[in-house]
């Protein structure tokens, strides 16, 4: 499959189909389907049954499958083909340049700004979600009282009435009971996120703040007031220009995070969707269902993105 797709060069350095256009993705998928059918037929005849078992797999139907298949809404599974081309995942054209996170952290001077860079990079948060966080949403210790996630995490809650007009795009149901937030969109947090939080809270967060929001203005007449998303965007824009990265936008962190999770999870769209909080799965609806945030593969993918594993 690699040779006919011109991904594998022969001993003399030339593609197998010299002088001819290599098979495209559709042609490779058709060839893979024929090849799989051949192997399954051989397996049914008692030849290489182990290979037949490996190829006889199924997957959950995607939204596209349901739309184009007759009576697709009643299907619970569809065949999958390990021989079909995986292909490189589409990279969003506006992702962060390589090394942008490290250069930005070296440039910004405030602990709050280091928190913003770290949380956007490691959490895959939207800027509205980040600026809309309240302190009660953060459960940064293991086995938090909410009982919904054993690992350190946060709850992204849709609050349209925030004083800084920041609100989460996701509208999952949530509530506060006895001062403990439950529900919302639960997102795991990295050790670096926890570290920058405590640095910010212990060095810059003002005392006597009544609004309870995480990010606040640090200087000027509005010091202590909730920090609006436009402030975070401007801070990142200025830092990007100082480092020579050009205009850095908060959403670029989100695309880079999702791309990194896809690489770490071997292209598992379900893990990428739940790690980034996407509503659909071509970042989301390619597969229905939810990953357990304690799933070993999910955990390993996040720790790889966070730089905790080799």
Protein backbone atom coordinates (compact mmCIF):
# COMPACT_ATOMS: atom_id res chain seq x y z
CA UNK A 1 0.00 0.00 0.00
CA UNK A 2 2.88 2.33 0.74
CA UNK A 3 4.52 1.59 -2.59
CA UNK A 4 1.50 2.15 -4.79
CA UNK A 5 0.82 5.36 -2.86
CA UNK A 6 4.40 6.50 -3.52
CA UNK A 7 5.09 6.74 0.22
CA UNK A 8 7.76 4.01 0.12
CA UNK A 9 10.63 4.34 -2.34
CA UNK A 10 12.24 1.30 -3.92
CA UNK A 11 15.96 0.43 -3.51
CA UNK A 12 16.97 2.76 -6.35
CA UNK A 13 15.10 5.68 -4.79
CA UNK A 14 12.23 5.73 -7.24
CA UNK A 15 8.53 5.12 -6.55
CA UNK A 16 7.18 1.76 -7.64
CA UNK A 17 4.94 3.32 -10.31
CA UNK A 18 7.71 5.17 -12.16
CA UNK A 19 6.38 7.72 -14.60
CA UNK A 20 2.83 7.29 -13.37
CA UNK A 21 0.77 9.26 -10.97
CA UNK A 22 0.68 7.54 -7.53
CA UNK A 23 -2.63 6.32 -6.23
CA UNK A 24 -4.62 8.96 -4.37
CA UNK A 25 -6.41 8.51 -1.08
CA UNK A 26 -9.67 7.27 -2.66
CA UNK A 27 -7.88 4.73 -4.88
CA UNK A 28 -5.85 3.49 -1.92
CA UNK A 29 -9.02 3.10 0.16
CA UNK A 30 -10.66 1.04 -2.61
CA UNK A 31 -7.55 -1.11 -2.97
CA UNK A 32 -7.47 -1.60 0.79
CA UNK A 33 -11.13 -2.72 0.78
CA UNK A 34 -10.40 -5.29 -1.95
CA UNK A 35 -7.32 -6.48 -0.11
CA UNK A 36 -9.22 -6.82 3.14
CA UNK A 37 -11.96 -8.82 1.40
CA UNK A 38 -9.34 -11.16 -0.07
CA UNK A 39 -7.71 -11.77 3.30
CA UNK A 40 -11.06 -12.33 5.03
CA UNK A 41 -12.03 -14.85 2.34
CA UNK A 42 -8.72 -16.68 2.80
CA UNK A 43 -9.28 -16.67 6.55
CA UNK A 44 -12.72 -18.23 6.09
CA UNK A 45 -11.00 -21.04 4.18
CA UNK A 46 -8.69 -21.67 7.13
CA UNK A 47 -5.67 -19.75 5.79
CA UNK A 48 -4.04 -17.30 8.20
CA UNK A 49 -6.97 -17.06 10.57
CA UNK A 50 -5.03 -14.79 12.91
CA UNK A 51 -4.77 -12.09 10.24
CA UNK A 52 -8.48 -12.46 9.52
CA UNK A 53 -9.31 -11.80 13.17
CA UNK A 54 -7.15 -8.67 13.20
CA UNK A 55 -8.86 -7.30 10.10
CA UNK A 56 -12.41 -8.18 11.12
CA UNK A 57 -12.93 -5.06 13.23
CA UNK A 58 -15.74 -2.53 13.45
CA UNK A 59 -16.16 1.06 14.56
CA UNK A 60 -18.96 3.36 15.63
CA UNK A 61 -20.76 5.11 12.75
CA UNK A 62 -19.96 8.74 12.11
CA UNK A 63 -22.46 11.45 11.29
CA UNK A 64 -21.35 11.27 7.65
CA UNK A 65 -22.02 7.52 7.63
CA UNK A 66 -25.49 8.06 9.02
CA UNK A 67 -26.33 10.73 6.49
CA UNK A 68 -25.29 8.83 3.39
CA UNK A 69 -26.31 5.31 4.40
CA UNK A 70 -29.84 4.04 3.88
CA UNK A 71 -31.38 3.41 7.29
CA UNK A 72 -28.03 4.50 8.75
CA UNK A 73 -29.75 5.66 11.92
CA UNK A 74 -30.35 2.04 12.95
CA UNK A 75 -26.73 0.96 12.54
CA UNK A 76 -24.70 0.48 15.67
CA UNK A 77 -21.36 -0.37 14.05
CA UNK A 78 -19.52 -0.23 10.75
CA UNK A 79 -16.53 -2.23 9.49
CA UNK A 80 -13.12 -0.64 9.73
CA UNK A 81 -10.00 -1.41 7.71
CA UNK A 82 -6.52 -1.36 9.18
CA UNK A 83 -5.08 -1.48 5.64
CA UNK A 84 -6.75 1.78 4.58
CA UNK A 85 -4.54 4.88 4.47
CA UNK A 86 -4.52 6.90 7.64
CA UNK A 87 -3.05 9.95 5.97
CA UNK A 88 -1.61 12.99 7.70
CA UNK A 89 -4.07 14.85 9.84
CA UNK A 90 -5.00 18.21 8.38
CA UNK A 91 -3.04 20.89 10.12
CA UNK A 92 -4.85 24.15 10.67
CA UNK A 93 -3.02 26.91 8.81
CA UNK A 94 -3.08 29.19 11.85
CA UNK A 95 -1.37 27.01 14.44
CA UNK A 96 1.44 28.28 16.64
CA UNK A 97 4.96 28.30 15.21
CA UNK A 98 7.36 25.75 16.66
CA UNK A 99 8.73 26.81 20.04
CA UNK A 100 6.17 29.61 20.41
CA UNK A 101 5.14 28.60 23.91
CA UNK A 102 8.68 28.66 25.30
CA UNK A 103 9.47 31.99 23.66
CA UNK A 104 6.27 33.57 24.93
CA UNK A 105 6.92 32.36 28.48
CA UNK A 106 10.37 33.92 28.34
CA UNK A 107 8.91 37.22 27.15
CA UNK A 108 5.91 37.84 29.39
CA UNK A 109 6.73 39.20 32.84
CA UNK A 110 3.53 38.79 34.86
CA UNK A 111 2.58 35.53 36.57
CA UNK A 112 -0.96 36.03 35.24
CA UNK A 113 0.34 36.17 31.68
CA UNK A 114 2.42 33.02 32.20
CA UNK A 115 -0.75 31.35 33.46
CA UNK A 116 -2.61 32.41 30.31
CA UNK A 117 0.07 31.02 27.98
CA UNK A 118 0.37 27.76 29.93
CA UNK A 119 -3.36 27.16 30.30
CA UNK A 120 -4.08 27.87 26.65
CA UNK A 121 -1.23 25.57 25.58
CA UNK A 122 -1.85 22.65 27.97
CA UNK A 123 -5.61 22.90 28.34
CA UNK A 124 -6.75 23.63 24.81
CA UNK A 125 -9.13 26.22 26.28
CA UNK A 126 -10.92 28.87 24.28
CA UNK A 127 -10.04 32.37 25.45
CA UNK A 128 -13.66 32.96 26.49
CA UNK A 129 -13.58 29.78 28.57
CA UNK A 130 -10.33 30.83 30.25
CA UNK A 131 -11.41 34.39 31.03
CA UNK A 132 -14.79 33.11 32.23
CA UNK A 133 -13.36 30.78 34.88
CA UNK A 134 -14.20 31.37 38.53
CA UNK A 135 -12.00 30.19 41.37
CA UNK A 136 -14.67 27.71 42.47
CA UNK A 137 -14.45 26.05 39.05
CA UNK A 138 -10.89 24.92 39.74
CA UNK A 139 -10.37 21.55 41.40
CA UNK A 140 -6.60 21.40 41.20
CA UNK A 141 -6.03 18.65 43.75
CA UNK A 142 -6.56 14.93 43.36
CA UNK A 143 -9.86 13.43 44.52
CA UNK A 144 -11.70 16.74 44.56
CA UNK A 145 -14.99 17.05 46.44
CA UNK A 146 -17.06 17.09 43.25
CA UNK A 147 -16.30 13.37 42.79
CA UNK A 148 -16.43 13.66 39.00
CA UNK A 149 -12.72 13.31 38.24
CA UNK A 150 -9.98 11.88 40.43
CA UNK A 151 -7.19 13.85 38.73
CA UNK A 152 -6.75 17.63 39.02
CA UNK A 153 -9.27 19.28 36.71
CA UNK A 154 -11.46 22.29 36.10
CA UNK A 155 -15.11 22.80 35.22
CA UNK A 156 -15.92 25.02 32.25
CA UNK A 157 -19.33 26.49 33.07
CA UNK A 158 -21.46 28.63 30.77
CA UNK A 159 -22.14 31.89 32.63
CA UNK A 160 -23.66 34.53 30.34
CA UNK A 161 -23.74 37.07 33.17
CA UNK A 162 -19.99 37.39 33.83
CA UNK A 163 -18.99 41.03 34.45
CA UNK A 164 -16.20 40.82 31.84
CA UNK A 165 -18.67 39.42 29.26
CA UNK A 166 -16.57 36.27 28.89
CA UNK A 167 -18.58 33.09 28.57
CA UNK A 168 -17.96 29.49 27.62
CA UNK A 169 -19.19 28.35 24.25
CA UNK A 170 -20.14 24.93 25.61
CA UNK A 171 -23.46 24.92 27.46
CA UNK A 172 -23.23 21.77 29.55
CA UNK A 173 -25.49 21.77 32.63
CA UNK A 174 -23.76 22.64 35.88
CA UNK A 175 -24.57 23.71 39.41
CA UNK A 176 -23.01 24.88 42.67
CA UNK A 177 -24.04 23.00 45.80
CA UNK A 178 -22.48 23.76 49.18
CA UNK A 179 -19.82 25.79 47.39
CA UNK A 180 -18.79 22.87 45.14
CA UNK A 181 -19.19 23.06 41.38
CA UNK A 182 -20.36 19.96 39.53
CA UNK A 183 -21.12 19.41 35.87
CA UNK A 184 -20.03 21.67 33.04
CA UNK A 185 -17.23 20.63 30.70
CA UNK A 186 -14.59 18.82 32.74
CA UNK A 187 -11.02 19.31 31.53
CA UNK A 188 -7.86 17.76 32.95
CA UNK A 189 -5.09 20.13 33.99
CA UNK A 190 -1.34 19.60 33.74
CA UNK A 191 1.18 20.02 36.58
CA UNK A 192 2.46 23.14 34.79
CA UNK A 193 -1.04 24.61 34.89
CA UNK A 194 -1.26 23.96 38.63
CA UNK A 195 2.17 25.52 39.17
CA UNK A 196 1.36 28.72 37.28
CA UNK A 197 -1.94 28.99 39.14
CA UNK A 198 -0.32 28.93 42.58
CA UNK A 199 2.39 31.34 41.43
CA UNK A 200 -0.27 33.78 40.24
CA UNK A 201 -2.53 33.42 43.27
CA UNK A 202 0.29 33.83 45.79
CA UNK A 203 2.08 36.73 44.10
CA UNK A 204 -0.38 38.85 42.10
CA UNK A 205 -3.99 38.02 42.88
CA UNK A 206 -5.41 40.92 44.92
CA UNK A 207 -7.03 40.42 48.29
CA UNK A 208 -10.64 41.28 48.98
CA UNK A 209 -11.87 40.58 45.44
CA UNK A 210 -15.60 39.97 45.56
CA UNK A 211 -16.35 38.77 42.04
CA UNK A 212 -14.45 35.45 42.46
CA UNK A 213 -13.15 35.30 38.88
CA UNK A 214 -9.73 33.86 38.09
CA UNK A 215 -8.18 36.47 35.79
CA UNK A 216 -8.09 40.11 36.90
CA UNK A 217 -6.64 43.42 35.82
CA UNK A 218 -3.27 44.00 37.47
CA UNK A 219 -2.72 47.72 36.93
CA UNK A 220 -4.53 51.01 36.46
CA UNK A 221 -7.83 52.31 37.75
CA UNK A 222 -9.52 48.96 37.09
CA UNK A 223 -6.98 46.87 39.01
CA UNK A 224 -8.70 43.87 40.57
CA UNK A 225 -11.59 43.91 38.12
CA UNK A 226 -12.25 40.85 35.89
CA UNK A 227 -9.96 40.66 32.86
CA UNK A 228 -11.83 40.62 29.55
CA UNK A 229 -10.87 38.32 26.64
CA UNK A 230 -9.79 41.35 24.61
CA UNK A 231 -7.12 42.01 27.25
CA UNK A 232 -5.73 38.48 26.87
CA UNK A 233 -5.73 38.83 23.09
CA UNK A 234 -3.84 42.12 23.25
CA UNK A 235 -1.31 40.74 25.73
CA UNK A 236 -0.57 37.78 23.46
CA UNK A 237 -0.40 40.03 20.40
CA UNK A 238 2.16 42.30 22.04
CA UNK A 239 4.22 39.35 23.32
CA UNK A 240 4.18 37.72 19.89
CA UNK A 241 5.49 40.85 18.22
CA UNK A 242 8.26 41.24 20.82
CA UNK A 243 9.44 37.68 20.20
CA UNK A 244 9.28 38.00 16.41
CA UNK A 245 6.44 35.48 16.15
CA UNK A 246 4.06 37.99 14.63
CA UNK A 247 0.46 38.28 15.75
CA UNK A 248 -0.28 35.42 18.17
CA UNK A 249 -3.97 34.60 18.55
CA UNK A 250 -5.40 32.60 21.48
CA UNK A 251 -7.20 30.12 19.22
CA UNK A 252 -3.89 29.06 17.68
CA UNK A 253 -3.06 27.38 21.00
CA UNK A 254 -6.25 25.34 20.72
CA UNK A 255 -5.46 24.06 17.25
CA UNK A 256 -1.88 23.25 18.23
CA UNK A 257 -3.12 21.41 21.33
CA UNK A 258 -5.57 19.32 19.31
CA UNK A 259 -2.92 18.52 16.71
CA UNK A 260 -0.50 17.42 19.44
CA UNK A 261 -3.15 15.22 21.07
CA UNK A 262 -3.95 13.61 17.70
CA UNK A 263 -0.27 12.80 17.22
CA UNK A 264 0.11 11.46 20.77
CA UNK A 265 -3.08 9.37 20.51
CA UNK A 266 -2.21 7.88 17.10
CA UNK A 267 -4.99 9.78 15.38
CA UNK A 268 -7.78 8.87 17.82
CA UNK A 269 -10.37 11.56 17.06
CA UNK A 270 -12.48 10.66 20.08
CA UNK A 271 -9.60 11.38 22.46
CA UNK A 272 -8.78 14.62 20.63
CA UNK A 273 -12.40 15.71 20.80
CA UNK A 274 -12.80 15.11 24.53
CA UNK A 275 -9.37 16.49 25.41
CA UNK A 276 -10.13 19.74 23.59
CA UNK A 277 -13.82 19.90 24.41
CA UNK A 278 -14.86 19.97 20.75
CA UNK A 279 -18.56 19.70 20.05
CA UNK A 280 -18.09 17.60 16.91
CA UNK A 281 -15.64 15.06 15.76
CA UNK A 282 -14.10 15.63 12.64
CA UNK A 283 -12.80 17.03 15.65
CA UNK A 284 -15.72 15.34 17.29
CA UNK A 285 -18.65 13.67 15.58
CA UNK A 286 -16.55 11.17 13.62
CA UNK A 287 -17.23 8.92 16.61
CA UNK A 288 -20.10 9.01 19.08
CA UNK A 289 -19.59 8.48 22.79
CA UNK A 290 -17.19 9.83 25.41
CA UNK A 291 -13.76 8.82 26.59
CA UNK A 292 -13.23 8.22 30.28
CA UNK A 293 -10.83 10.93 31.48
CA UNK A 294 -9.02 8.19 33.42
CA UNK A 295 -8.63 5.96 30.37
CA UNK A 296 -4.93 4.94 30.11
CA UNK A 297 -4.71 5.97 26.44
CA UNK A 298 -6.38 9.31 27.16
CA UNK A 299 -4.09 9.89 30.13
CA UNK A 300 -0.97 8.90 28.18
CA UNK A 301 -1.87 11.22 25.29
CA UNK A 302 -2.29 14.21 27.60
CA UNK A 303 0.93 13.48 29.48
CA UNK A 304 2.78 13.26 26.16
CA UNK A 305 1.43 16.65 25.12
CA UNK A 306 2.34 18.07 28.53
CA UNK A 307 5.90 16.79 28.14
CA UNK A 308 5.76 14.38 31.07
CA UNK A 309 6.70 11.33 29.00
CA UNK A 310 9.25 10.69 26.30
